[in-house]
Structure formats: structure tokens, C-alpha cells
Amino acid sequence: MTKTKINYRIKKIKNIKREYDNTFWKKVVALAMKILLPHYPMKALREAIANAIIHRDYSTNTDGAYIYLRIFDDRIEILNPGGLYGNNRLENLGSDNMLEVRNNTIIRLLEDTTDIVENRHTGIATMREEMKKMNLPEPEFENLRGTFKVTFRKEKEETDVQNKTEQIQSVQKWTEVKL
């Protein structure tokens, strides 16, 4: 992947907030003042998108494949081509046992030229901490067939019946952004 393509994707990520402002922010009126509060912790979303760019599969097997940011009423999903790399496993996410990386060159490039990569191996822990600070459920991680998926939910789920109803309703309304 060329530096130009990486810079294009970084620029596109920075524009997402502006395009989908109502999805990410809720307006609250308190003491006769309008306050914007985030539905999701921006730092957690930023980490997930950075991880999707860094850890995706850039091989010829995934030529033309995109990183997807899917925005639903009740959640945000980030999917990237290529599942977990090497011996990495879901149960080890965020631990010191997750040391195999697919794209060392991209990591070094982003460390040297942007503020996207600050500390290696802290992204998952940061996502979990930021969601907890907002009293939201932990992000969900799935290693699907050739795809890795992170899901952020707005609120903690109440019951199985409510969950199924929300899933049916949210399938009808969603926006997809290709990165």
C-alpha cells in the first residue's frame, strides 16, 4: 500500500465525524444551555479504526477489499479484511500474548508521521477503558471468515427479546462508509 493511499484513508477517517454528526453526538439541554455529549467515546472509535488500518490484510488476496464503518441506530461496527494474524486469538486480545503483527512497515510509518499510533499494544485496552468510563458495554470482537469485526453498542442490552427486536429494527437502518 502506498503512502498516498494511507494518507487518503486517514483524511477520510477525519471527515467521518462531520458527515455523521448526529450518530456520534446527542444534544442535551441543561440549565438553558445546549450541550453535545458523545454517544460513543471518540478515543475508542479512533483506536478501532486505527487498528483496522494497521492490522488489515493488504495482500493480493484482499485486493479491492475495504475497511467498513457500519453505523446503525444502536451500534457501530468496524470490519477489516483479514482475520487475526498468526497465532493471535480472540481470548488474548489486549494482553501481552498478542505480539504477532501483519504490517510492521505501516505501523512504523504511522508512528513516525502521524499521531494515530502512540503506544503499541494499548488499543484494545484503551477501547475497553473508554467504553467503561461512559458506562457502555465493552466492545465486542469477532474473528469471522477472513474479516475482523469490532462492535460498539450505545447502551447495555436489557433482555433477549429486546435484543432481537433491536437487531431486526437496526438491520433496516444503517449507513456504510468504505475506508
Foldseek 3Di string as FASTA:
>chain_A
DDPVVVVVVVVVVVCVCVVPVCLQWDWDADPNDTDTDGLAPPLLVLLVVLCQVFAADPDPVQVPPFWKWKGFNWKIKTKGFAFQDDPDDPVCQLHPVRDDGDHPPVQVVCCVPHCSDDDPSCNQVVNQVRCVVVVFDRWDWDGDDRMIMTMGGSHDDDDPVVVVVRVVVRVVDMDMDTD
